[in-house]
Amino acid sequence: MTRDDIITLPNSHLRQRSKKIGIITPDIKELAASMIAATLDWEDSRAHELGVALAAIQVDFALRIMVVRNNFEDKDDRSFNVFLNPEITKKEGEIIEDLEGCLSVPDIYGKVKRYSKIRFKALTPTGQEIRAGAEGFLARIIQHEIDHMNGTVFIDHIKDIPDVFYRLNDKGELESLNYESDIKNNSILW
């Protein structure tokens, strides 16, 4: 897969709920590897952005799979973890508003409120159940990707709220967008 396989809004498939994986087949493992390849291809096409995660629904497979980059600080580390059937088991900590972007919402960023800490469980590609905690940026990413599996896109958390949308310019800087004129009236996202 390549970046061209990543579907974007307003594609209605992004609003589908993903199905749990019952049996981990070679096709499931291949899909996860293809998702990593698509994320890295997307990243390679972007001068100022890092591909940190992807849910299977973003490549038009309604399955509960997400790939998450291991190291957000080092663009040269191109390794990912694969989580099957991930589920948040506890949300804790503060609710923090911060910027989010999405490979399925090109060039648009928005301020989203998320829990600062979570606990989650998932299966590895070998079928081993893991239970882990995440905080900060990793907690935000996991909440974002699980939202995708439930048919929710980050902008759904911030509809009709002015002054929370941004666009990345050619210099890699965020420019504020006006909700009424740039987003709502032009149907950029819906």
N, C-alpha and C. Protein backbone atom coordinates (compact mmCIF):
# COMPACT_ATOMS: atom_id res chain seq x y z
N MET A 1 0.84 -1.19 0.00
CA MET A 1 0.00 0.00 0.00
C MET A 1 0.88 1.24 0.00
N THR A 2 0.27 2.30 -0.53
CA THR A 2 0.93 3.60 -0.54
C THR A 2 0.01 4.64 0.07
N ARG A 3 0.48 5.86 0.12
CA ARG A 3 -0.35 6.96 0.66
C ARG A 3 -1.64 7.13 -0.13
N ASP A 4 -1.65 6.73 -1.39
CA ASP A 4 -2.85 6.85 -2.21
C ASP A 4 -3.97 5.91 -1.76
N ASP A 5 -3.64 4.92 -0.95
CA ASP A 5 -4.65 4.00 -0.42
C ASP A 5 -5.34 4.54 0.83
N ILE A 6 -4.83 5.64 1.38
CA ILE A 6 -5.44 6.25 2.56
C ILE A 6 -6.65 7.06 2.13
N ILE A 7 -7.81 6.70 2.66
CA ILE A 7 -9.03 7.43 2.28
C ILE A 7 -9.17 8.68 3.15
N THR A 8 -9.81 9.69 2.60
CA THR A 8 -9.94 10.97 3.30
C THR A 8 -11.41 11.42 3.31
N LEU A 9 -11.70 12.31 4.24
CA LEU A 9 -13.03 12.92 4.24
C LEU A 9 -13.25 13.64 2.93
N PRO A 10 -14.43 13.61 2.40
CA PRO A 10 -15.70 13.20 3.00
C PRO A 10 -16.08 11.73 2.76
N ASN A 11 -15.14 10.84 2.48
CA ASN A 11 -15.45 9.44 2.25
C ASN A 11 -16.25 8.87 3.42
N SER A 12 -17.44 8.39 3.16
CA SER A 12 -18.35 7.92 4.21
C SER A 12 -17.85 6.64 4.89
N HIS A 13 -16.92 5.94 4.29
CA HIS A 13 -16.40 4.71 4.91
C HIS A 13 -15.69 5.01 6.22
N LEU A 14 -15.18 6.25 6.36
CA LEU A 14 -14.52 6.63 7.62
C LEU A 14 -15.51 6.68 8.78
N ARG A 15 -16.79 6.65 8.49
CA ARG A 15 -17.83 6.70 9.53
C ARG A 15 -18.32 5.30 9.92
N GLN A 16 -17.73 4.25 9.34
CA GLN A 16 -18.13 2.88 9.66
C GLN A 16 -17.46 2.42 10.95
N ARG A 17 -18.17 1.58 11.69
CA ARG A 17 -17.56 0.93 12.85
C ARG A 17 -16.77 -0.29 12.35
N SER A 18 -15.60 -0.45 12.90
CA SER A 18 -14.75 -1.58 12.51
C SER A 18 -15.11 -2.83 13.30
N LYS A 19 -14.89 -3.97 12.67
CA LYS A 19 -15.23 -5.26 13.28
C LYS A 19 -14.03 -5.85 14.00
N LYS A 20 -14.34 -6.56 15.09
CA LYS A 20 -13.29 -7.26 15.84
C LYS A 20 -12.70 -8.37 14.98
N ILE A 21 -11.45 -8.64 15.21
CA ILE A 21 -10.76 -9.72 14.51
C ILE A 21 -10.89 -10.98 15.35
N GLY A 22 -11.43 -12.03 14.75
CA GLY A 22 -11.61 -13.29 15.47
C GLY A 22 -10.40 -14.19 15.36
N ILE A 23 -9.89 -14.31 14.16
CA ILE A 23 -8.74 -15.18 13.90
C ILE A 23 -7.65 -14.34 13.24
N ILE A 24 -6.45 -14.45 13.76
CA ILE A 24 -5.33 -13.69 13.18
C ILE A 24 -4.72 -14.53 12.07
N THR A 25 -5.05 -14.15 10.86
CA THR A 25 -4.59 -14.87 9.67
C THR A 25 -3.36 -14.18 9.07
N PRO A 26 -2.70 -14.83 8.15
CA PRO A 26 -1.60 -14.17 7.44
C PRO A 26 -2.07 -12.89 6.73
N ASP A 27 -3.32 -12.87 6.25
CA ASP A 27 -3.84 -11.67 5.60
C ASP A 27 -3.92 -10.49 6.57
N ILE A 28 -4.27 -10.76 7.83
CA ILE A 28 -4.33 -9.71 8.85
C ILE A 28 -2.93 -9.14 9.08
N LYS A 29 -1.95 -10.02 9.20
CA LYS A 29 -0.56 -9.57 9.40
C LYS A 29 -0.07 -8.78 8.20
N GLU A 30 -0.44 -9.21 7.00
CA GLU A 30 -0.04 -8.50 5.78
C GLU A 30 -0.71 -7.12 5.72
N LEU A 31 -1.97 -7.05 6.12
CA LEU A 31 -2.66 -5.76 6.16
C LEU A 31 -1.94 -4.80 7.10
N ALA A 32 -1.56 -5.27 8.27
CA ALA A 32 -0.84 -4.41 9.22
C ALA A 32 0.47 -3.92 8.61
N ALA A 33 1.21 -4.79 7.96
CA ALA A 33 2.47 -4.38 7.32
C ALA A 33 2.20 -3.36 6.21
N SER A 34 1.12 -3.55 5.47
CA SER A 34 0.76 -2.61 4.40
C SER A 34 0.35 -1.26 4.97
N MET A 35 -0.30 -1.27 6.13
CA MET A 35 -0.68 -0.01 6.78
C MET A 35 0.56 0.78 7.19
N ILE A 36 1.56 0.08 7.70
CA ILE A 36 2.82 0.75 8.06
C ILE A 36 3.46 1.34 6.81
N ALA A 37 3.48 0.59 5.73
CA ALA A 37 4.06 1.08 4.48
C ALA A 37 3.32 2.32 3.98
N ALA A 38 2.00 2.32 4.06
CA ALA A 38 1.21 3.47 3.61
C ALA A 38 1.50 4.69 4.48
N THR A 39 1.61 4.48 5.79
CA THR A 39 1.91 5.59 6.70
C THR A 39 3.28 6.19 6.40
N LEU A 40 4.26 5.34 6.18
CA LEU A 40 5.60 5.85 5.89
C LEU A 40 5.67 6.52 4.52
N ASP A 41 4.93 5.99 3.55
CA ASP A 41 4.88 6.63 2.23
C ASP A 41 4.24 8.01 2.35
N TRP A 42 3.18 8.12 3.14
CA TRP A 42 2.55 9.42 3.38
C TRP A 42 3.57 10.37 4.01
N GLU A 43 4.27 9.89 5.04
CA GLU A 43 5.26 10.71 5.72
C GLU A 43 6.35 11.18 4.75
N ASP A 44 6.81 10.29 3.89
CA ASP A 44 7.87 10.63 2.94
C ASP A 44 7.44 11.72 1.96
N SER A 45 6.14 11.88 1.80
CA SER A 45 5.63 12.90 0.87
C SER A 45 5.40 14.24 1.57
N ARG A 46 5.62 14.31 2.87
CA ARG A 46 5.34 15.50 3.67
C ARG A 46 6.64 16.02 4.28
N ALA A 47 6.95 17.26 4.01
CA ALA A 47 8.21 17.83 4.51
C ALA A 47 8.18 18.09 6.01
N HIS A 48 7.03 18.42 6.57
CA HIS A 48 7.00 18.90 7.95
C HIS A 48 6.15 18.05 8.89
N GLU A 49 5.82 16.82 8.49
CA GLU A 49 4.94 16.02 9.32
C GLU A 49 5.49 14.62 9.53
N LEU A 50 5.01 14.00 10.60
CA LEU A 50 5.43 12.66 10.97
C LEU A 50 4.19 11.76 10.96
N GLY A 51 4.28 10.61 10.34
CA GLY A 51 3.19 9.65 10.36
C GLY A 51 3.28 8.83 11.64
N VAL A 52 2.37 9.07 12.58
CA VAL A 52 2.49 8.42 13.89
C VAL A 52 1.60 7.20 14.06
N ALA A 53 0.48 7.14 13.34
CA ALA A 53 -0.42 6.00 13.53
C ALA A 53 -1.43 5.93 12.39
N LEU A 54 -2.06 4.78 12.28
CA LEU A 54 -3.09 4.58 11.26
C LEU A 54 -4.00 3.45 11.71
N ALA A 55 -5.29 3.64 11.50
CA ALA A 55 -6.29 2.58 11.74
C ALA A 55 -6.66 1.95 10.40
N ALA A 56 -7.01 0.68 10.42
CA ALA A 56 -7.31 -0.04 9.17
C ALA A 56 -8.43 0.61 8.38
N ILE A 57 -9.40 1.22 9.05
CA ILE A 57 -10.51 1.86 8.33
C ILE A 57 -9.98 2.98 7.43
N GLN A 58 -8.83 3.54 7.76
CA GLN A 58 -8.27 4.62 6.96
C GLN A 58 -7.70 4.13 5.62
N VAL A 59 -7.54 2.82 5.50
CA VAL A 59 -7.18 2.24 4.20
C VAL A 59 -8.32 1.36 3.70
N ASP A 60 -9.52 1.69 4.20
CA ASP A 60 -10.78 1.10 3.73
C ASP A 60 -10.96 -0.37 4.10
N PHE A 61 -10.43 -0.77 5.26
CA PHE A 61 -10.68 -2.09 5.82
C PHE A 61 -11.32 -1.89 7.19
N ALA A 62 -12.56 -2.28 7.34
CA ALA A 62 -13.30 -2.05 8.58
C ALA A 62 -12.97 -3.13 9.61
N LEU A 63 -11.71 -3.18 9.99
CA LEU A 63 -11.21 -4.14 10.98
C LEU A 63 -10.51 -3.38 12.10
N ARG A 64 -10.57 -3.92 13.30
CA ARG A 64 -10.00 -3.25 14.47
C ARG A 64 -8.49 -3.52 14.55
N ILE A 65 -7.77 -2.81 13.71
CA ILE A 65 -6.30 -2.87 13.68
C ILE A 65 -5.78 -1.45 13.69
N MET A 66 -4.74 -1.22 14.50
CA MET A 66 -4.05 0.06 14.41
C MET A 66 -2.55 -0.19 14.50
N VAL A 67 -1.82 0.66 13.80
CA VAL A 67 -0.36 0.65 13.86
C VAL A 67 0.06 1.98 14.49
N VAL A 68 1.01 1.90 15.42
CA VAL A 68 1.45 3.08 16.16
C VAL A 68 2.97 3.12 16.16
N ARG A 69 3.51 4.23 15.75
CA ARG A 69 4.96 4.42 15.69
C ARG A 69 5.57 4.23 17.08
N ASN A 70 6.74 3.62 17.13
CA ASN A 70 7.42 3.38 18.40
C ASN A 70 8.08 4.64 18.97
N ASN A 71 8.62 5.48 18.11
CA ASN A 71 9.40 6.62 18.59
C ASN A 71 8.97 7.88 17.84
N PHE A 72 8.27 8.77 18.55
CA PHE A 72 7.78 10.00 17.92
C PHE A 72 8.84 11.08 17.84
N GLU A 73 9.94 10.88 18.52
CA GLU A 73 11.00 11.89 18.58
C GLU A 73 12.05 11.70 17.49
N ASP A 74 12.09 10.53 16.89
CA ASP A 74 13.15 10.21 15.93
C ASP A 74 12.53 9.75 14.61
N LYS A 75 12.53 10.65 13.63
CA LYS A 75 11.92 10.33 12.32
C LYS A 75 12.65 9.19 11.62
N ASP A 76 13.91 8.95 12.00
CA ASP A 76 14.66 7.86 11.40
C ASP A 76 14.24 6.48 11.92
N ASP A 77 13.62 6.46 13.09
CA ASP A 77 13.10 5.20 13.63
C ASP A 77 11.74 4.96 12.99
N ARG A 78 11.69 4.06 12.05
CA ARG A 78 10.48 3.82 11.27
C ARG A 78 9.77 2.53 11.70
N SER A 79 9.95 2.17 12.98
CA SER A 79 9.32 0.96 13.50
C SER A 79 7.98 1.29 14.15
N PHE A 80 7.09 0.33 14.12
CA PHE A 80 5.72 0.49 14.61
C PHE A 80 5.32 -0.71 15.46
N ASN A 81 4.39 -0.49 16.37
CA ASN A 81 3.69 -1.57 17.06
C ASN A 81 2.37 -1.79 16.34
N VAL A 82 1.91 -3.01 16.37
CA VAL A 82 0.61 -3.36 15.79
C VAL A 82 -0.29 -3.82 16.92
N PHE A 83 -1.49 -3.23 16.99
CA PHE A 83 -2.47 -3.59 18.01
C PHE A 83 -3.75 -4.05 17.33
N LEU A 84 -4.21 -5.22 17.70
CA LEU A 84 -5.45 -5.77 17.17
C LEU A 84 -6.52 -5.72 18.27
N ASN A 85 -7.73 -5.37 17.88
CA ASN A 85 -8.85 -5.26 18.81
C ASN A 85 -8.53 -4.40 20.03
N PRO A 86 -7.91 -3.25 19.84
CA PRO A 86 -7.58 -2.42 21.00
C PRO A 86 -8.84 -1.87 21.65
N GLU A 87 -8.75 -1.73 22.96
CA GLU A 87 -9.89 -1.24 23.73
C GLU A 87 -9.38 -0.44 24.92
N ILE A 88 -9.91 0.74 25.11
CA ILE A 88 -9.55 1.53 26.28
C ILE A 88 -10.31 0.95 27.47
N THR A 89 -9.57 0.63 28.53
CA THR A 89 -10.20 0.05 29.71
C THR A 89 -10.39 1.08 30.82
N LYS A 90 -9.63 2.18 30.75
CA LYS A 90 -9.79 3.23 31.76
C LYS A 90 -9.22 4.53 31.22
N LYS A 91 -9.95 5.61 31.46
CA LYS A 91 -9.48 6.95 31.13
C LYS A 91 -9.22 7.65 32.45
N GLU A 92 -8.09 8.33 32.55
CA GLU A 92 -7.74 8.99 33.80
C GLU A 92 -6.89 10.21 33.53
N GLY A 93 -6.50 10.86 34.60
CA GLY A 93 -5.69 12.06 34.46
C GLY A 93 -6.55 13.25 34.09
N GLU A 94 -5.88 14.28 33.62
CA GLU A 94 -6.56 15.51 33.23
C GLU A 94 -7.12 15.39 31.82
N ILE A 95 -8.11 16.22 31.54
CA ILE A 95 -8.56 16.37 30.16
C ILE A 95 -7.81 17.57 29.60
N ILE A 96 -7.04 17.32 28.55
CA ILE A 96 -6.16 18.34 28.00
C ILE A 96 -6.54 18.61 26.54
N GLU A 97 -6.59 19.88 26.19
CA GLU A 97 -6.86 20.28 24.81
C GLU A 97 -5.53 20.48 24.10
N ASP A 98 -5.38 19.83 22.96
CA ASP A 98 -4.15 19.97 22.19
C ASP A 98 -4.47 19.75 20.71
N LEU A 99 -3.52 20.12 19.86
CA LEU A 99 -3.71 19.99 18.42
C LEU A 99 -3.61 18.53 17.98
N GLU A 100 -4.47 18.18 17.04
CA GLU A 100 -4.41 16.88 16.39
C GLU A 100 -4.53 17.07 14.89
N GLY A 101 -3.88 16.17 14.18
CA GLY A 101 -4.03 16.08 12.75
C GLY A 101 -4.40 14.65 12.41
N CYS A 102 -4.61 14.38 11.14
CA CYS A 102 -5.03 13.04 10.74
C CYS A 102 -4.70 12.83 9.27
N LEU A 103 -4.20 11.66 8.95
CA LEU A 103 -3.88 11.36 7.56
C LEU A 103 -5.13 11.35 6.69
N SER A 104 -6.30 11.15 7.30
CA SER A 104 -7.55 11.15 6.55
C SER A 104 -8.24 12.51 6.51
N VAL A 105 -7.61 13.50 7.12
CA VAL A 105 -8.11 14.89 7.08
C VAL A 105 -6.92 15.75 6.66
N PRO A 106 -6.58 15.74 5.37
CA PRO A 106 -5.34 16.37 4.91
C PRO A 106 -5.24 17.86 5.25
N ASP A 107 -4.09 18.21 5.78
CA ASP A 107 -3.68 19.60 6.00
C ASP A 107 -4.47 20.34 7.06
N ILE A 108 -5.41 19.71 7.73
CA ILE A 108 -6.22 20.38 8.74
C ILE A 108 -5.84 19.85 10.12
N TYR A 109 -5.68 20.76 11.06
CA TYR A 109 -5.43 20.42 12.45
C TYR A 109 -6.50 21.07 13.30
N GLY A 110 -6.77 20.48 14.44
CA GLY A 110 -7.77 21.06 15.34
C GLY A 110 -7.44 20.76 16.78
N LYS A 111 -7.95 21.61 17.66
CA LYS A 111 -7.75 21.42 19.09
C LYS A 111 -8.82 20.46 19.62
N VAL A 112 -8.36 19.37 20.22
CA VAL A 112 -9.25 18.32 20.71
C VAL A 112 -8.94 18.07 22.19
N LYS A 113 -10.00 17.89 22.96
CA LYS A 113 -9.85 17.55 24.38
C LYS A 113 -9.79 16.03 24.51
N ARG A 114 -8.75 15.56 25.20
CA ARG A 114 -8.57 14.12 25.44
C ARG A 114 -8.02 13.91 26.85
N TYR A 115 -8.23 12.70 27.36
CA TYR A 115 -7.64 12.33 28.64
C TYR A 115 -6.13 12.23 28.50
N SER A 116 -5.42 12.65 29.55
CA SER A 116 -3.96 12.64 29.52
C SER A 116 -3.38 11.25 29.79
N LYS A 117 -4.17 10.37 30.38
CA LYS A 117 -3.71 9.01 30.66
C LYS A 117 -4.84 8.04 30.35
N ILE A 118 -4.43 6.89 29.84
CA ILE A 118 -5.40 5.81 29.61
C ILE A 118 -4.76 4.47 29.94
N ARG A 119 -5.60 3.50 30.11
CA ARG A 119 -5.17 2.11 30.17
C ARG A 119 -5.91 1.42 29.01
N PHE A 120 -5.21 0.49 28.37
CA PHE A 120 -5.84 -0.19 27.23
C PHE A 120 -5.38 -1.64 27.17
N LYS A 121 -6.15 -2.40 26.42
CA LYS A 121 -5.75 -3.79 26.15
C LYS A 121 -5.87 -4.01 24.65
N ALA A 122 -5.11 -4.98 24.17
CA ALA A 122 -5.11 -5.31 22.74
C ALA A 122 -4.44 -6.67 22.56
N LEU A 123 -4.51 -7.16 21.34
CA LEU A 123 -3.77 -8.36 20.96
C LEU A 123 -2.59 -7.96 20.09
N THR A 124 -1.50 -8.69 20.21
CA THR A 124 -0.38 -8.53 19.30
C THR A 124 -0.66 -9.38 18.06
N PRO A 125 0.11 -9.22 17.00
CA PRO A 125 -0.09 -10.06 15.81
C PRO A 125 0.13 -11.56 16.06
N THR A 126 0.77 -11.90 17.18
CA THR A 126 0.95 -13.32 17.52
C THR A 126 -0.19 -13.84 18.39
N GLY A 127 -1.16 -12.98 18.71
CA GLY A 127 -2.31 -13.39 19.50
C GLY A 127 -2.15 -13.20 21.00
N GLN A 128 -1.02 -12.65 21.42
CA GLN A 128 -0.80 -12.41 22.85
C GLN A 128 -1.59 -11.19 23.31
N GLU A 129 -2.32 -11.31 24.42
CA GLU A 129 -3.03 -10.16 24.97
C GLU A 129 -2.05 -9.31 25.76
N ILE A 130 -2.12 -8.01 25.52
CA ILE A 130 -1.31 -7.07 26.30
C ILE A 130 -2.26 -6.11 27.00
N ARG A 131 -1.84 -5.66 28.15
CA ARG A 131 -2.52 -4.61 28.90
C ARG A 131 -1.44 -3.60 29.23
N ALA A 132 -1.72 -2.34 28.93
CA ALA A 132 -0.69 -1.32 29.12
C ALA A 132 -1.33 0.02 29.47
N GLY A 133 -0.49 0.90 29.95
CA GLY A 133 -0.90 2.27 30.19
C GLY A 133 -0.20 3.17 29.20
N ALA A 134 -0.82 4.30 28.94
CA ALA A 134 -0.21 5.29 28.05
C ALA A 134 -0.55 6.66 28.60
N GLU A 135 0.36 7.60 28.40
CA GLU A 135 0.08 8.96 28.82
C GLU A 135 0.64 9.94 27.80
N GLY A 136 0.20 11.18 27.93
CA GLY A 136 0.68 12.22 27.03
C GLY A 136 0.28 11.97 25.59
N PHE A 137 1.24 12.17 24.69
CA PHE A 137 0.99 12.06 23.26
C PHE A 137 0.53 10.66 22.86
N LEU A 138 1.14 9.63 23.47
CA LEU A 138 0.74 8.26 23.14
C LEU A 138 -0.71 8.00 23.53
N ALA A 139 -1.13 8.49 24.68
CA ALA A 139 -2.53 8.33 25.09
C ALA A 139 -3.46 9.02 24.10
N ARG A 140 -3.07 10.19 23.63
CA ARG A 140 -3.87 10.93 22.64
C ARG A 140 -3.99 10.12 21.35
N ILE A 141 -2.88 9.57 20.90
CA ILE A 141 -2.87 8.81 19.65
C ILE A 141 -3.78 7.59 19.75
N ILE A 142 -3.68 6.86 20.84
CA ILE A 142 -4.49 5.65 20.98
C ILE A 142 -5.98 6.02 21.02
N GLN A 143 -6.35 7.08 21.73
CA GLN A 143 -7.74 7.52 21.75
C GLN A 143 -8.20 7.91 20.35
N HIS A 144 -7.34 8.61 19.60
CA HIS A 144 -7.65 9.05 18.23
C HIS A 144 -7.91 7.84 17.33
N GLU A 145 -7.02 6.84 17.39
CA GLU A 145 -7.15 5.68 16.50
C GLU A 145 -8.35 4.81 16.89
N ILE A 146 -8.62 4.65 18.17
CA ILE A 146 -9.79 3.88 18.58
C ILE A 146 -11.06 4.61 18.17
N ASP A 147 -11.03 5.95 18.21
CA ASP A 147 -12.16 6.71 17.66
C ASP A 147 -12.41 6.32 16.21
N HIS A 148 -11.34 6.23 15.41
CA HIS A 148 -11.50 5.83 14.00
C HIS A 148 -12.24 4.49 13.89
N MET A 149 -11.88 3.55 14.75
CA MET A 149 -12.50 2.23 14.70
C MET A 149 -13.98 2.28 15.07
N ASN A 150 -14.37 3.34 15.75
CA ASN A 150 -15.77 3.51 16.13
C ASN A 150 -16.51 4.46 15.19
N GLY A 151 -15.87 4.84 14.08
CA GLY A 151 -16.51 5.70 13.09
C GLY A 151 -16.46 7.18 13.41
N THR A 152 -15.56 7.56 14.29
CA THR A 152 -15.43 8.96 14.70
C THR A 152 -14.11 9.52 14.20
N VAL A 153 -14.15 10.74 13.66
CA VAL A 153 -12.95 11.44 13.21
C VAL A 153 -12.72 12.60 14.17
N PHE A 154 -11.47 13.00 14.37
CA PHE A 154 -11.16 14.00 15.40
C PHE A 154 -11.97 15.27 15.28
N ILE A 155 -12.35 15.65 14.08
CA ILE A 155 -13.12 16.89 13.92
C ILE A 155 -14.51 16.78 14.54
N ASP A 156 -14.99 15.55 14.75
CA ASP A 156 -16.31 15.37 15.37
C ASP A 156 -16.33 15.88 16.80
N HIS A 157 -15.18 15.95 17.41
CA HIS A 157 -15.09 16.44 18.79
C HIS A 157 -15.13 17.96 18.85
N ILE A 158 -14.98 18.64 17.71
CA ILE A 158 -14.82 20.10 17.74
C ILE A 158 -15.73 20.84 16.77
N LYS A 159 -16.78 20.20 16.28
CA LYS A 159 -17.72 20.86 15.37
C LYS A 159 -18.31 22.11 16.02
N ASP A 160 -18.56 23.10 15.21
CA ASP A 160 -19.24 24.33 15.62
C ASP A 160 -18.53 25.11 16.71
N ILE A 161 -17.25 24.89 16.87
CA ILE A 161 -16.47 25.66 17.84
C ILE A 161 -15.49 26.52 17.04
N PRO A 162 -15.62 27.84 17.10
CA PRO A 162 -14.73 28.69 16.31
C PRO A 162 -13.30 28.70 16.85
N ASP A 163 -12.39 29.08 16.01
CA ASP A 163 -10.99 29.31 16.37
C ASP A 163 -10.27 28.08 16.90
N VAL A 164 -10.58 26.92 16.39
CA VAL A 164 -9.84 25.73 16.82
C VAL A 164 -9.28 24.94 15.64
N PHE A 165 -9.47 25.44 14.42
CA PHE A 165 -8.96 24.75 13.25
C PHE A 165 -7.77 25.49 12.67
N TYR A 166 -6.81 24.70 12.15
CA TYR A 166 -5.59 25.27 11.59
C TYR A 166 -5.24 24.51 10.31
N ARG A 167 -4.47 25.15 9.47
CA ARG A 167 -3.94 24.53 8.26
C ARG A 167 -2.42 24.67 8.29
N LEU A 168 -1.73 23.63 7.85
CA LEU A 168 -0.28 23.67 7.78
C LEU A 168 0.12 24.32 6.47
N ASN A 169 0.95 25.37 6.54
CA ASN A 169 1.38 26.04 5.31
C ASN A 169 2.65 25.38 4.76
N ASP A 170 3.15 25.91 3.65
CA ASP A 170 4.31 25.32 2.98
C ASP A 170 5.59 25.39 3.81
N LYS A 171 5.62 26.26 4.80
CA LYS A 171 6.80 26.41 5.67
C LYS A 171 6.72 25.51 6.89
N GLY A 172 5.61 24.76 7.02
CA GLY A 172 5.44 23.89 8.18
C GLY A 172 4.88 24.61 9.38
N GLU A 173 4.29 25.79 9.16
CA GLU A 173 3.71 26.56 10.25
C GLU A 173 2.19 26.43 10.20
N LEU A 174 1.58 26.47 11.37
CA LEU A 174 0.12 26.38 11.44
C LEU A 174 -0.49 27.77 11.32
N GLU A 175 -1.48 27.86 10.44
CA GLU A 175 -2.23 29.11 10.25
C GLU A 175 -3.66 28.88 10.71
N SER A 176 -4.19 29.80 11.48
CA SER A 176 -5.55 29.70 11.99
C SER A 176 -6.55 29.80 10.85
N LEU A 177 -7.59 28.96 10.91
CA LEU A 177 -8.68 28.99 9.94
C LEU A 177 -9.93 29.53 10.63
N ASN A 178 -10.73 30.26 9.89
CA ASN A 178 -12.01 30.74 10.39
C ASN A 178 -13.04 29.64 10.19
N TYR A 179 -13.70 29.24 11.25
CA TYR A 179 -14.65 28.13 11.17
C TYR A 179 -15.76 28.40 10.16
N GLU A 180 -16.38 29.56 10.24
CA GLU A 180 -17.52 29.86 9.37
C GLU A 180 -17.12 29.92 7.90
N SER A 181 -16.08 30.68 7.57
CA SER A 181 -15.75 30.89 6.15
C SER A 181 -14.86 29.79 5.57
N ASP A 182 -13.91 29.27 6.35
CA ASP A 182 -12.97 28.29 5.81
C ASP A 182 -13.42 26.85 5.97
N ILE A 183 -14.20 26.56 6.98
CA ILE A 183 -14.57 25.18 7.27
C ILE A 183 -16.04 24.91 6.94
N LYS A 184 -16.93 25.49 7.72
CA LYS A 184 -18.36 25.16 7.62
C LYS A 184 -18.96 25.53 6.26
N ASN A 185 -18.77 26.75 5.81
CA ASN A 185 -19.40 27.20 4.57
C ASN A 185 -18.79 26.60 3.32
N ASN A 186 -17.54 26.12 3.42
CA ASN A 186 -16.89 25.53 2.26
C ASN A 186 -16.93 24.01 2.29
N SER A 187 -17.53 23.46 3.31
CA SER A 187 -17.66 22.00 3.44
C SER A 187 -16.33 21.28 3.23
N ILE A 188 -15.27 21.82 3.80
CA ILE A 188 -13.96 21.21 3.66
C ILE A 188 -13.96 19.80 4.27
N LEU A 189 -14.64 19.65 5.40
CA LEU A 189 -14.53 18.41 6.15
C LEU A 189 -15.77 17.53 6.13
N TRP A 190 -16.92 18.07 5.76
CA TRP A 190 -18.15 17.25 5.87
C TRP A 190 -18.79 17.00 4.54
